[in-house]
Amino acid sequence: MNLALIHSTACRELLNDGELEDAIRYCVEQGIEPPIPPCAKMSSDYEHCVALAKETLSDYGWWEKRLKVRDARSRRQAET
């Protein structure tokens, strides 16, 4: 089972439906910190922020790296 592929695909589907907040919530539910701070709708770079978040959340490589970090932290905590 390739979790990175599953999670990046799930986020891509949420994002295709226009649900950035749901994709971020999904990320948090998986124990993964979202890629960027929340985008403020009134900020001048809102569109760029949203585009970056969408690109990152649907990226297989980003998920693969984050899952490895999460799992390594879990193993370290289990050892102590």
PDB file of N, CA and C in Angstrom:
ATOM      1  N   MET A   1       0.842  -1.174   0.000  1.00  0.00           N
ATOM      2  CA  MET A   1       0.000   0.000   0.000  1.00  0.00           C
ATOM      3  C   MET A   1       0.893   1.245   0.000  1.00  0.00           C
ATOM      4  N   ASN A   2       0.691   2.123  -0.938  1.00  0.00           N
ATOM      5  CA  ASN A   2       1.496   3.330  -1.047  1.00  0.00           C
ATOM      6  C   ASN A   2       0.718   4.508  -0.458  1.00  0.00           C
ATOM      7  N   LEU A   3       1.009   4.809   0.808  1.00  0.00           N
ATOM      8  CA  LEU A   3       0.263   5.857   1.502  1.00  0.00           C
ATOM      9  C   LEU A   3       0.453   7.229   0.881  1.00  0.00           C
ATOM     10  N   ALA A   4       1.647   7.521   0.415  1.00  0.00           N
ATOM     11  CA  ALA A   4       1.885   8.836  -0.198  1.00  0.00           C
ATOM     12  C   ALA A   4       0.993   9.020  -1.420  1.00  0.00           C
ATOM     13  N   LEU A   5       0.860   7.985  -2.208  1.00  0.00           N
ATOM     14  CA  LEU A   5       0.000   8.057  -3.388  1.00  0.00           C
ATOM     15  C   LEU A   5      -1.465   8.206  -2.987  1.00  0.00           C
ATOM     16  N   ILE A   6      -1.880   7.458  -1.992  1.00  0.00           N
ATOM     17  CA  ILE A   6      -3.265   7.544  -1.516  1.00  0.00           C
ATOM     18  C   ILE A   6      -3.577   8.949  -1.020  1.00  0.00           C
ATOM     19  N   HIS A   7      -2.692   9.501  -0.182  1.00  0.00           N
ATOM     20  CA  HIS A   7      -2.952  10.814   0.405  1.00  0.00           C
ATOM     21  C   HIS A   7      -2.859  11.941  -0.622  1.00  0.00           C
ATOM     22  N   SER A   8      -1.890  11.880  -1.515  1.00  0.00           N
ATOM     23  CA  SER A   8      -1.790  12.935  -2.536  1.00  0.00           C
ATOM     24  C   SER A   8      -2.995  12.887  -3.472  1.00  0.00           C
ATOM     25  N   THR A   9      -3.472  11.696  -3.782  1.00  0.00           N
ATOM     26  CA  THR A   9      -4.656  11.563  -4.635  1.00  0.00           C
ATOM     27  C   THR A   9      -5.902  12.067  -3.918  1.00  0.00           C
ATOM     28  N   ALA A  10      -6.039  11.735  -2.645  1.00  0.00           N
ATOM     29  CA  ALA A  10      -7.192  12.204  -1.870  1.00  0.00           C
ATOM     30  C   ALA A  10      -7.217  13.728  -1.825  1.00  0.00           C
ATOM     31  N   CYS A  11      -6.072  14.342  -1.592  1.00  0.00           N
ATOM     32  CA  CYS A  11      -6.007  15.807  -1.563  1.00  0.00           C
ATOM     33  C   CYS A  11      -6.302  16.391  -2.939  1.00  0.00           C
ATOM     34  N   ARG A  12      -5.777  15.778  -3.974  1.00  0.00           N
ATOM     35  CA  ARG A  12      -6.025  16.266  -5.334  1.00  0.00           C
ATOM     36  C   ARG A  12      -7.525  16.257  -5.635  1.00  0.00           C
ATOM     37  N   GLU A  13      -8.207  15.203  -5.219  1.00  0.00           N
ATOM     38  CA  GLU A  13      -9.649  15.120  -5.444  1.00  0.00           C
ATOM     39  C   GLU A  13     -10.395  16.195  -4.665  1.00  0.00           C
ATOM     40  N   LEU A  14     -10.004  16.421  -3.417  1.00  0.00           N
ATOM     41  CA  LEU A  14     -10.625  17.489  -2.634  1.00  0.00           C
ATOM     42  C   LEU A  14     -10.374  18.846  -3.280  1.00  0.00           C
ATOM     43  N   LEU A  15      -9.155  19.048  -3.747  1.00  0.00           N
ATOM     44  CA  LEU A  15      -8.802  20.327  -4.365  1.00  0.00           C
ATOM     45  C   LEU A  15      -9.511  20.519  -5.700  1.00  0.00           C
ATOM     46  N   ASN A  16      -9.708  19.444  -6.445  1.00  0.00           N
ATOM     47  CA  ASN A  16     -10.441  19.554  -7.708  1.00  0.00           C
ATOM     48  C   ASN A  16     -11.883  19.976  -7.471  1.00  0.00           C
ATOM     49  N   ASP A  17     -12.398  19.641  -6.284  1.00  0.00           N
ATOM     50  CA  ASP A  17     -13.742  20.073  -5.910  1.00  0.00           C
ATOM     51  C   ASP A  17     -13.729  21.486  -5.328  1.00  0.00           C
ATOM     52  N   GLY A  18     -12.539  22.104  -5.273  1.00  0.00           N
ATOM     53  CA  GLY A  18     -12.414  23.466  -4.766  1.00  0.00           C
ATOM     54  C   GLY A  18     -12.390  23.567  -3.258  1.00  0.00           C
ATOM     55  N   GLU A  19     -11.996  22.506  -2.583  1.00  0.00           N
ATOM     56  CA  GLU A  19     -12.062  22.462  -1.125  1.00  0.00           C
ATOM     57  C   GLU A  19     -10.679  22.509  -0.479  1.00  0.00           C
ATOM     58  N   LEU A  20     -10.030  23.656  -0.526  1.00  0.00           N
ATOM     59  CA  LEU A  20      -8.704  23.792   0.084  1.00  0.00           C
ATOM     60  C   LEU A  20      -8.758  23.510   1.581  1.00  0.00           C
ATOM     61  N   GLU A  21      -9.763  24.050   2.259  1.00  0.00           N
ATOM     62  CA  GLU A  21      -9.867  23.847   3.705  1.00  0.00           C
ATOM     63  C   GLU A  21     -10.025  22.367   4.040  1.00  0.00           C
ATOM     64  N   ASP A  22     -10.800  21.645   3.223  1.00  0.00           N
ATOM     65  CA  ASP A  22     -10.970  20.209   3.459  1.00  0.00           C
ATOM     66  C   ASP A  22      -9.662  19.454   3.228  1.00  0.00           C
ATOM     67  N   ALA A  23      -8.898  19.859   2.229  1.00  0.00           N
ATOM     68  CA  ALA A  23      -7.612  19.212   1.960  1.00  0.00           C
ATOM     69  C   ALA A  23      -6.637  19.464   3.111  1.00  0.00           C
ATOM     70  N   ILE A  24      -6.651  20.663   3.652  1.00  0.00           N
ATOM     71  CA  ILE A  24      -5.790  20.978   4.795  1.00  0.00           C
ATOM     72  C   ILE A  24      -6.237  20.181   6.016  1.00  0.00           C
ATOM     73  N   ARG A  25      -7.533  20.101   6.239  1.00  0.00           N
ATOM     74  CA  ARG A  25      -8.071  19.318   7.353  1.00  0.00           C
ATOM     75  C   ARG A  25      -7.684  17.840   7.199  1.00  0.00           C
ATOM     76  N   TYR A  26      -7.756  17.331   5.992  1.00  0.00           N
ATOM     77  CA  TYR A  26      -7.360  15.946   5.713  1.00  0.00           C
ATOM     78  C   TYR A  26      -5.891  15.738   6.088  1.00  0.00           C
ATOM     79  N   CYS A  27      -5.063  16.680   5.724  1.00  0.00           N
ATOM     80  CA  CYS A  27      -3.635  16.619   6.025  1.00  0.00           C
ATOM     81  C   CYS A  27      -3.418  16.526   7.538  1.00  0.00           C
ATOM     82  N   VAL A  28      -4.082  17.383   8.276  1.00  0.00           N
ATOM     83  CA  VAL A  28      -3.951  17.402   9.733  1.00  0.00           C
ATOM     84  C   VAL A  28      -4.449  16.088  10.335  1.00  0.00           C
ATOM     85  N   GLU A  29      -5.543  15.550   9.797  1.00  0.00           N
ATOM     86  CA  GLU A  29      -6.085  14.283  10.294  1.00  0.00           C
ATOM     87  C   GLU A  29      -5.106  13.127  10.109  1.00  0.00           C
ATOM     88  N   GLN A  30      -4.202  13.245   9.161  1.00  0.00           N
ATOM     89  CA  GLN A  30      -3.198  12.207   8.922  1.00  0.00           C
ATOM     90  C   GLN A  30      -1.972  12.397   9.814  1.00  0.00           C
ATOM     91  N   GLY A  31      -1.989  13.436  10.651  1.00  0.00           N
ATOM     92  CA  GLY A  31      -0.860  13.706  11.527  1.00  0.00           C
ATOM     93  C   GLY A  31       0.264  14.448  10.829  1.00  0.00           C
ATOM     94  N   ILE A  32      -0.078  15.132   9.747  1.00  0.00           N
ATOM     95  CA  ILE A  32       0.906  15.866   8.955  1.00  0.00           C
ATOM     96  C   ILE A  32       0.599  17.355   9.045  1.00  0.00           C
ATOM     97  N   GLU A  33       1.616  18.144   9.370  1.00  0.00           N
ATOM     98  CA  GLU A  33       1.435  19.596   9.423  1.00  0.00           C
ATOM     99  C   GLU A  33       1.256  20.132   8.004  1.00  0.00           C
ATOM    100  N   PRO A  34       0.252  20.984   7.797  1.00  0.00           N
ATOM    101  CA  PRO A  34       0.044  21.547   6.456  1.00  0.00           C
ATOM    102  C   PRO A  34       1.296  22.258   5.953  1.00  0.00           C
ATOM    103  N   PRO A  35       1.445  22.348   4.636  1.00  0.00           N
ATOM    104  CA  PRO A  35       2.673  22.867   4.044  1.00  0.00           C
ATOM    105  C   PRO A  35       2.948  24.336   4.311  1.00  0.00           C
ATOM    106  N   ILE A  36       1.920  25.118   4.494  1.00  0.00           N
ATOM    107  CA  ILE A  36       2.098  26.551   4.708  1.00  0.00           C
ATOM    108  C   ILE A  36       1.083  27.021   5.733  1.00  0.00           C
ATOM    109  N   PRO A  37       1.304  28.196   6.320  1.00  0.00           N
ATOM    110  CA  PRO A  37       0.299  28.726   7.234  1.00  0.00           C
ATOM    111  C   PRO A  37      -0.996  29.018   6.471  1.00  0.00           C
ATOM    112  N   PRO A  38      -2.105  29.108   7.171  1.00  0.00           N
ATOM    113  CA  PRO A  38      -3.361  29.419   6.485  1.00  0.00           C
ATOM    114  C   PRO A  38      -3.248  30.695   5.650  1.00  0.00           C
ATOM    115  N   CYS A  39      -3.886  30.686   4.511  1.00  0.00           N
ATOM    116  CA  CYS A  39      -3.856  31.834   3.610  1.00  0.00           C
ATOM    117  C   CYS A  39      -4.911  32.845   4.054  1.00  0.00           C
ATOM    118  N   ALA A  40      -4.493  34.070   4.298  1.00  0.00           N
ATOM    119  CA  ALA A  40      -5.430  35.127   4.677  1.00  0.00           C
ATOM    120  C   ALA A  40      -6.071  35.702   3.421  1.00  0.00           C
ATOM    121  N   LYS A  41      -7.399  35.641   3.362  1.00  0.00           N
ATOM    122  CA  LYS A  41      -8.107  36.069   2.155  1.00  0.00           C
ATOM    123  C   LYS A  41      -7.846  37.521   1.797  1.00  0.00           C
ATOM    124  N   MET A  42      -7.544  38.328   2.766  1.00  0.00           N
ATOM    125  CA  MET A  42      -7.332  39.753   2.500  1.00  0.00           C
ATOM    126  C   MET A  42      -5.879  40.091   2.162  1.00  0.00           C
ATOM    127  N   SER A  43      -4.992  39.113   2.210  1.00  0.00           N
ATOM    128  CA  SER A  43      -3.584  39.406   1.939  1.00  0.00           C
ATOM    129  C   SER A  43      -3.347  39.598   0.448  1.00  0.00           C
ATOM    130  N   SER A  44      -2.308  40.334   0.135  1.00  0.00           N
ATOM    131  CA  SER A  44      -1.999  40.640  -1.266  1.00  0.00           C
ATOM    132  C   SER A  44      -1.511  39.417  -2.032  1.00  0.00           C
ATOM    133  N   ASP A  45      -0.968  38.439  -1.334  1.00  0.00           N
ATOM    134  CA  ASP A  45      -0.454  37.246  -2.011  1.00  0.00           C
ATOM    135  C   ASP A  45      -1.365  36.030  -1.824  1.00  0.00           C
ATOM    136  N   TYR A  46      -2.646  36.263  -1.578  1.00  0.00           N
ATOM    137  CA  TYR A  46      -3.597  35.177  -1.321  1.00  0.00           C
ATOM    138  C   TYR A  46      -3.622  34.160  -2.455  1.00  0.00           C
ATOM    139  N   GLU A  47      -3.705  34.625  -3.681  1.00  0.00           N
ATOM    140  CA  GLU A  47      -3.784  33.709  -4.825  1.00  0.00           C
ATOM    141  C   GLU A  47      -2.529  32.838  -4.921  1.00  0.00           C
ATOM    142  N   HIS A  48      -1.373  33.452  -4.699  1.00  0.00           N
ATOM    143  CA  HIS A  48      -0.114  32.692  -4.726  1.00  0.00           C
ATOM    144  C   HIS A  48      -0.085  31.669  -3.592  1.00  0.00           C
ATOM    145  N   CYS A  49      -0.530  32.077  -2.430  1.00  0.00           N
ATOM    146  CA  CYS A  49      -0.560  31.195  -1.261  1.00  0.00           C
ATOM    147  C   CYS A  49      -1.451  29.982  -1.532  1.00  0.00           C
ATOM    148  N   VAL A  50      -2.617  30.212  -2.088  1.00  0.00           N
ATOM    149  CA  VAL A  50      -3.552  29.127  -2.397  1.00  0.00           C
ATOM    150  C   VAL A  50      -2.958  28.200  -3.452  1.00  0.00           C
ATOM    151  N   ALA A  51      -2.369  28.772  -4.485  1.00  0.00           N
ATOM    152  CA  ALA A  51      -1.768  27.963  -5.552  1.00  0.00           C
ATOM    153  C   ALA A  51      -0.648  27.084  -5.002  1.00  0.00           C
ATOM    154  N   LEU A  52       0.181  27.637  -4.142  1.00  0.00           N
ATOM    155  CA  LEU A  52       1.277  26.872  -3.537  1.00  0.00           C
ATOM    156  C   LEU A  52       0.739  25.743  -2.654  1.00  0.00           C
ATOM    157  N   ALA A  53      -0.276  26.045  -1.868  1.00  0.00           N
ATOM    158  CA  ALA A  53      -0.874  25.023  -1.005  1.00  0.00           C
ATOM    159  C   ALA A  53      -1.460  23.890  -1.837  1.00  0.00           C
ATOM    160  N   LYS A  54      -2.159  24.228  -2.896  1.00  0.00           N
ATOM    161  CA  LYS A  54      -2.760  23.205  -3.760  1.00  0.00           C
ATOM    162  C   LYS A  54      -1.688  22.342  -4.411  1.00  0.00           C
ATOM    163  N   GLU A  55      -0.651  22.977  -4.898  1.00  0.00           N
ATOM    164  CA  GLU A  55       0.434  22.233  -5.553  1.00  0.00           C
ATOM    165  C   GLU A  55       1.108  21.276  -4.571  1.00  0.00           C
ATOM    166  N   THR A  56       1.363  21.764  -3.375  1.00  0.00           N
ATOM    167  CA  THR A  56       2.069  20.959  -2.382  1.00  0.00           C
ATOM    168  C   THR A  56       1.214  19.808  -1.870  1.00  0.00           C
ATOM    169  N   LEU A  57      -0.037  20.084  -1.533  1.00  0.00           N
ATOM    170  CA  LEU A  57      -0.903  19.054  -0.967  1.00  0.00           C
ATOM    171  C   LEU A  57      -1.180  17.910  -1.931  1.00  0.00           C
ATOM    172  N   SER A  58      -1.098  18.174  -3.217  1.00  0.00           N
ATOM    173  CA  SER A  58      -1.355  17.116  -4.195  1.00  0.00           C
ATOM    174  C   SER A  58      -0.066  16.485  -4.725  1.00  0.00           C
ATOM    175  N   ASP A  59       1.069  16.858  -4.135  1.00  0.00           N
ATOM    176  CA  ASP A  59       2.365  16.367  -4.596  1.00  0.00           C
ATOM    177  C   ASP A  59       2.757  15.068  -3.888  1.00  0.00           C
ATOM    178  N   TYR A  60       2.967  14.028  -4.665  1.00  0.00           N
ATOM    179  CA  TYR A  60       3.352  12.713  -4.139  1.00  0.00           C
ATOM    180  C   TYR A  60       4.649  12.799  -3.330  1.00  0.00           C
ATOM    181  N   GLY A  61       5.651  13.475  -3.853  1.00  0.00           N
ATOM    182  CA  GLY A  61       6.948  13.568  -3.189  1.00  0.00           C
ATOM    183  C   GLY A  61       6.865  14.257  -1.845  1.00  0.00           C
ATOM    184  N   TRP A  62       6.041  15.296  -1.754  1.00  0.00           N
ATOM    185  CA  TRP A  62       5.866  16.008  -0.484  1.00  0.00           C
ATOM    186  C   TRP A  62       5.260  15.064   0.550  1.00  0.00           C
ATOM    187  N   TRP A  63       4.227  14.333   0.158  1.00  0.00           N
ATOM    188  CA  TRP A  63       3.597  13.385   1.077  1.00  0.00           C
ATOM    189  C   TRP A  63       4.571  12.287   1.494  1.00  0.00           C
ATOM    190  N   GLU A  64       5.341  11.781   0.546  1.00  0.00           N
ATOM    191  CA  GLU A  64       6.292  10.716   0.853  1.00  0.00           C
ATOM    192  C   GLU A  64       7.282  11.170   1.928  1.00  0.00           C
ATOM    193  N   LYS A  65       7.823  12.364   1.761  1.00  0.00           N
ATOM    194  CA  LYS A  65       8.791  12.895   2.724  1.00  0.00           C
ATOM    195  C   LYS A  65       8.138  13.121   4.087  1.00  0.00           C
ATOM    196  N   ARG A  66       6.980  13.734   4.112  1.00  0.00           N
ATOM    197  CA  ARG A  66       6.298  14.033   5.373  1.00  0.00           C
ATOM    198  C   ARG A  66       5.905  12.764   6.125  1.00  0.00           C
ATOM    199  N   LEU A  67       5.467  11.758   5.397  1.00  0.00           N
ATOM    200  CA  LEU A  67       5.111  10.491   6.047  1.00  0.00           C
ATOM    201  C   LEU A  67       6.339   9.824   6.662  1.00  0.00           C
ATOM    202  N   LYS A  68       7.478   9.897   5.989  1.00  0.00           N
ATOM    203  CA  LYS A  68       8.719   9.338   6.545  1.00  0.00           C
ATOM    204  C   LYS A  68       9.107  10.061   7.828  1.00  0.00           C
ATOM    205  N   VAL A  69       8.998  11.389   7.817  1.00  0.00           N
ATOM    206  CA  VAL A  69       9.327  12.181   9.011  1.00  0.00           C
ATOM    207  C   VAL A  69       8.371  11.833  10.146  1.00  0.00           C
ATOM    208  N   ARG A  70       7.082  11.771   9.844  1.00  0.00           N
ATOM    209  CA  ARG A  70       6.080  11.433  10.866  1.00  0.00           C
ATOM    210  C   ARG A  70       6.357  10.061  11.467  1.00  0.00           C
ATOM    211  N   ASP A  71       6.648   9.084  10.620  1.00  0.00           N
ATOM    212  CA  ASP A  71       6.898   7.727  11.100  1.00  0.00           C
ATOM    213  C   ASP A  71       8.183   7.644  11.919  1.00  0.00           C
ATOM    214  N   ALA A  72       9.212   8.374  11.512  1.00  0.00           N
ATOM    215  CA  ALA A  72      10.466   8.387  12.270  1.00  0.00           C
ATOM    216  C   ALA A  72      10.246   8.991  13.655  1.00  0.00           C
ATOM    217  N   ARG A  73       9.464  10.055  13.727  1.00  0.00           N
ATOM    218  CA  ARG A  73       9.160  10.667  15.028  1.00  0.00           C
ATOM    219  C   ARG A  73       8.379   9.702  15.910  1.00  0.00           C
ATOM    220  N   SER A  74       7.441   9.003  15.321  1.00  0.00           N
ATOM    221  CA  SER A  74       6.645   8.034  16.085  1.00  0.00           C
ATOM    222  C   SER A  74       7.529   6.925  16.639  1.00  0.00           C
ATOM    223  N   ARG A  75       8.467   6.446  15.830  1.00  0.00           N
ATOM    224  CA  ARG A  75       9.383   5.395  16.290  1.00  0.00           C
ATOM    225  C   ARG A  75      10.259   5.893  17.436  1.00  0.00           C
ATOM    226  N   ARG A  76      10.766   7.121  17.307  1.00  0.00           N
ATOM    227  CA  ARG A  76      11.604   7.684  18.375  1.00  0.00           C
ATOM    228  C   ARG A  76      10.809   7.827  19.666  1.00  0.00           C
ATOM    229  N   GLN A  77       9.584   8.284  19.568  1.00  0.00           N
ATOM    230  CA  GLN A  77       8.757   8.439  20.764  1.00  0.00           C
ATOM    231  C   GLN A  77       8.445   7.092  21.396  1.00  0.00           C
ATOM    232  N   ALA A  78       8.260   6.077  20.582  1.00  0.00           N
ATOM    233  CA  ALA A  78       7.961   4.739  21.101  1.00  0.00           C
ATOM    234  C   ALA A  78       9.159   4.152  21.839  1.00  0.00           C
ATOM    235  N   GLU A  79      10.362   4.548  21.445  1.00  0.00           N
ATOM    236  CA  GLU A  79      11.582   4.035  22.070  1.00  0.00           C
ATOM    237  C   GLU A  79      11.844   4.669  23.428  1.00  0.00           C
ATOM    238  N   THR A  80      11.271   5.812  23.683  1.00  0.00           N
ATOM    239  CA  THR A  80      11.540   6.500  24.955  1.00  0.00           C
ATOM    240  C   THR A  80      10.485   6.234  25.989  1.00  0.00           C
TER     241      THR A  80
END
